[in-house]
Amino acid sequence: TKEPIIGPADAFDATDWIEAFNSLQRLCLTHEECDEQRRRMGFWYYVVDDHLMKGCFYKNNVAYFGLGGTFEEMSSPSQGQKMRIWCGDVPTETIQPTMRPSARPT
């Protein structure tokens, strides 16, 4: 019989993964934060209005911020085609690639 392959994922249990994932997520509380985050994520269009879904979300390549609402409403799970945008989804720093040495430098 073959031994099971143990990889990096086996070093954490489910609780560790959930905590790590949640630490990367932060609720966008203002339309300014939402605007900044949607730009980082590459959304060109942005609408701020009194939507049924509150807080920062996107649908069909358009980002939205639903004004008003409680913390619970702004952090509610995605609804149908509307997907929640969390601040912190994309690194804020630009990552520079490292250059590998070349056998034939130019």
C-alpha atoms as a PDB file:
ATOM      1  CA  THR A   1       0.000   0.000   0.000  1.00  0.00           C
ATOM      2  CA  LYS A   2       1.067   3.547  -0.652  1.00  0.00           C
ATOM      3  CA  GLU A   3       1.721   5.990   2.152  1.00  0.00           C
ATOM      4  CA  PRO A   4      -0.439   9.134   2.077  1.00  0.00           C
ATOM      5  CA  ILE A   5       1.355  12.189   0.768  1.00  0.00           C
ATOM      6  CA  ILE A   6       1.692  14.841   3.433  1.00  0.00           C
ATOM      7  CA  GLY A   7       1.942  18.368   2.095  1.00  0.00           C
ATOM      8  CA  PRO A   8       1.939  21.875   3.525  1.00  0.00           C
ATOM      9  CA  ALA A   9      -1.850  21.829   3.866  1.00  0.00           C
ATOM     10  CA  ASP A  10      -1.588  19.021   6.406  1.00  0.00           C
ATOM     11  CA  ALA A  11       0.353  21.260   8.781  1.00  0.00           C
ATOM     12  CA  PHE A  12      -2.851  23.175   9.599  1.00  0.00           C
ATOM     13  CA  ASP A  13      -6.230  21.971  10.720  1.00  0.00           C
ATOM     14  CA  ALA A  14      -9.467  23.535   9.444  1.00  0.00           C
ATOM     15  CA  THR A  15      -9.589  26.072  12.288  1.00  0.00           C
ATOM     16  CA  ASP A  16      -6.097  27.321  11.412  1.00  0.00           C
ATOM     17  CA  TRP A  17      -7.107  27.802   7.772  1.00  0.00           C
ATOM     18  CA  ILE A  18     -10.277  29.677   8.729  1.00  0.00           C
ATOM     19  CA  GLU A  19      -8.357  31.956  11.106  1.00  0.00           C
ATOM     20  CA  ALA A  20      -5.679  32.637   8.481  1.00  0.00           C
ATOM     21  CA  PHE A  21      -8.306  33.422   5.835  1.00  0.00           C
ATOM     22  CA  ASN A  22     -10.294  35.673   8.171  1.00  0.00           C
ATOM     23  CA  SER A  23      -7.151  37.576   9.162  1.00  0.00           C
ATOM     24  CA  LEU A  24      -6.766  38.614   5.505  1.00  0.00           C
ATOM     25  CA  GLN A  25     -10.317  39.914   5.320  1.00  0.00           C
ATOM     26  CA  ARG A  26     -11.424  43.243   6.693  1.00  0.00           C
ATOM     27  CA  LEU A  27     -14.767  44.854   6.112  1.00  0.00           C
ATOM     28  CA  CYS A  28     -14.745  47.951   3.896  1.00  0.00           C
ATOM     29  CA  LEU A  29     -16.692  50.326   6.141  1.00  0.00           C
ATOM     30  CA  THR A  30     -16.761  53.412   3.911  1.00  0.00           C
ATOM     31  CA  HIS A  31     -17.321  54.048   0.232  1.00  0.00           C
ATOM     32  CA  GLU A  32     -13.798  55.527   0.086  1.00  0.00           C
ATOM     33  CA  GLU A  33     -12.287  52.234   1.320  1.00  0.00           C
ATOM     34  CA  CYS A  34     -14.469  50.319  -1.114  1.00  0.00           C
ATOM     35  CA  ASP A  35     -13.390  52.596  -3.967  1.00  0.00           C
ATOM     36  CA  GLU A  36      -9.716  52.064  -3.162  1.00  0.00           C
ATOM     37  CA  GLN A  37     -10.130  48.296  -2.893  1.00  0.00           C
ATOM     38  CA  ARG A  38     -12.138  47.942  -6.118  1.00  0.00           C
ATOM     39  CA  ARG A  39      -9.391  49.867  -7.967  1.00  0.00           C
ATOM     40  CA  ARG A  40      -6.780  47.423  -6.610  1.00  0.00           C
ATOM     41  CA  MET A  41      -8.962  44.555  -7.815  1.00  0.00           C
ATOM     42  CA  GLY A  42      -9.266  46.042 -11.318  1.00  0.00           C
ATOM     43  CA  PHE A  43     -12.913  47.140 -11.404  1.00  0.00           C
ATOM     44  CA  TRP A  44     -13.330  50.156 -13.714  1.00  0.00           C
ATOM     45  CA  TYR A  45     -16.929  51.004 -12.864  1.00  0.00           C
ATOM     46  CA  TYR A  46     -18.103  51.992  -9.394  1.00  0.00           C
ATOM     47  CA  VAL A  47     -21.598  52.945  -8.187  1.00  0.00           C
ATOM     48  CA  VAL A  48     -22.445  54.355  -4.754  1.00  0.00           C
ATOM     49  CA  ASP A  49     -26.179  54.306  -4.034  1.00  0.00           C
ATOM     50  CA  ASP A  50     -28.895  53.038  -1.697  1.00  0.00           C
ATOM     51  CA  HIS A  51     -28.760  49.399  -2.866  1.00  0.00           C
ATOM     52  CA  LEU A  52     -30.613  46.528  -1.223  1.00  0.00           C
ATOM     53  CA  MET A  53     -27.249  44.892  -0.466  1.00  0.00           C
ATOM     54  CA  LYS A  54     -25.258  47.105   1.888  1.00  0.00           C
ATOM     55  CA  GLY A  55     -21.517  47.681   1.934  1.00  0.00           C
ATOM     56  CA  CYS A  56     -18.935  46.849  -0.706  1.00  0.00           C
ATOM     57  CA  PHE A  57     -19.702  44.250  -3.382  1.00  0.00           C
ATOM     58  CA  TYR A  58     -19.563  43.568  -7.094  1.00  0.00           C
ATOM     59  CA  LYS A  59     -21.809  42.133  -9.781  1.00  0.00           C
ATOM     60  CA  ASN A  60     -21.088  41.658 -13.496  1.00  0.00           C
ATOM     61  CA  ASN A  61     -17.741  43.530 -13.445  1.00  0.00           C
ATOM     62  CA  VAL A  62     -19.176  46.577 -11.646  1.00  0.00           C
ATOM     63  CA  ALA A  63     -18.286  47.417  -8.032  1.00  0.00           C
ATOM     64  CA  TYR A  64     -20.940  48.903  -5.748  1.00  0.00           C
ATOM     65  CA  PHE A  65     -21.215  50.406  -2.302  1.00  0.00           C
ATOM     66  CA  GLY A  66     -24.672  50.160  -0.753  1.00  0.00           C
ATOM     67  CA  LEU A  67     -25.129  53.126   1.592  1.00  0.00           C
ATOM     68  CA  GLY A  68     -26.514  52.709   5.084  1.00  0.00           C
ATOM     69  CA  GLY A  69     -27.025  49.445   6.843  1.00  0.00           C
ATOM     70  CA  THR A  70     -25.707  47.857   9.995  1.00  0.00           C
ATOM     71  CA  PHE A  71     -22.371  46.105  10.433  1.00  0.00           C
ATOM     72  CA  GLU A  72     -24.189  42.788  10.032  1.00  0.00           C
ATOM     73  CA  GLU A  73     -25.809  43.921   6.772  1.00  0.00           C
ATOM     74  CA  MET A  74     -22.492  45.228   5.429  1.00  0.00           C
ATOM     75  CA  SER A  75     -20.733  41.946   6.268  1.00  0.00           C
ATOM     76  CA  SER A  76     -23.507  39.588   5.149  1.00  0.00           C
ATOM     77  CA  PRO A  77     -22.567  36.752   2.789  1.00  0.00           C
ATOM     78  CA  SER A  78     -22.788  37.198  -0.960  1.00  0.00           C
ATOM     79  CA  GLN A  79     -26.280  37.077  -2.466  1.00  0.00           C
ATOM     80  CA  GLY A  80     -26.790  35.395  -5.847  1.00  0.00           C
ATOM     81  CA  GLN A  81     -24.522  37.077  -8.406  1.00  0.00           C
ATOM     82  CA  LYS A  82     -23.520  39.804  -5.949  1.00  0.00           C
ATOM     83  CA  MET A  83     -20.113  39.019  -4.444  1.00  0.00           C
ATOM     84  CA  ARG A  84     -18.789  40.713  -1.300  1.00  0.00           C
ATOM     85  CA  ILE A  85     -15.583  42.756  -1.658  1.00  0.00           C
ATOM     86  CA  TRP A  86     -13.403  42.649   1.433  1.00  0.00           C
ATOM     87  CA  CYS A  87     -10.668  45.182   2.053  1.00  0.00           C
ATOM     88  CA  GLY A  88      -7.446  43.240   2.153  1.00  0.00           C
ATOM     89  CA  ASP A  89      -8.389  40.807  -0.669  1.00  0.00           C
ATOM     90  CA  VAL A  90      -5.453  42.002  -2.766  1.00  0.00           C
ATOM     91  CA  PRO A  91      -1.994  43.000  -1.456  1.00  0.00           C
ATOM     92  CA  THR A  92      -1.602  46.761  -1.222  1.00  0.00           C
ATOM     93  CA  GLU A  93       2.099  46.572  -2.079  1.00  0.00           C
ATOM     94  CA  THR A  94       3.380  46.041  -5.588  1.00  0.00           C
ATOM     95  CA  ILE A  95       5.388  42.835  -5.638  1.00  0.00           C
ATOM     96  CA  GLN A  96       8.553  43.109  -7.703  1.00  0.00           C
ATOM     97  CA  PRO A  97       9.767  39.920  -9.380  1.00  0.00           C
ATOM     98  CA  THR A  98      13.290  38.815  -8.614  1.00  0.00           C
ATOM     99  CA  MET A  99      15.681  38.352 -11.506  1.00  0.00           C
ATOM    100  CA  ARG A 100      17.319  34.953 -11.898  1.00  0.00           C
ATOM    101  CA  PRO A 101      20.942  34.730 -13.034  1.00  0.00           C
ATOM    102  CA  SER A 102      21.213  33.908 -16.709  1.00  0.00           C
ATOM    103  CA  ALA A 103      23.668  31.519 -18.319  1.00  0.00           C
ATOM    104  CA  ARG A 104      23.803  33.962 -21.246  1.00  0.00           C
ATOM    105  CA  PRO A 105      23.597  37.518 -19.955  1.00  0.00           C
ATOM    106  CA  THR A 106      22.700  40.143 -22.540  1.00  0.00           C
END
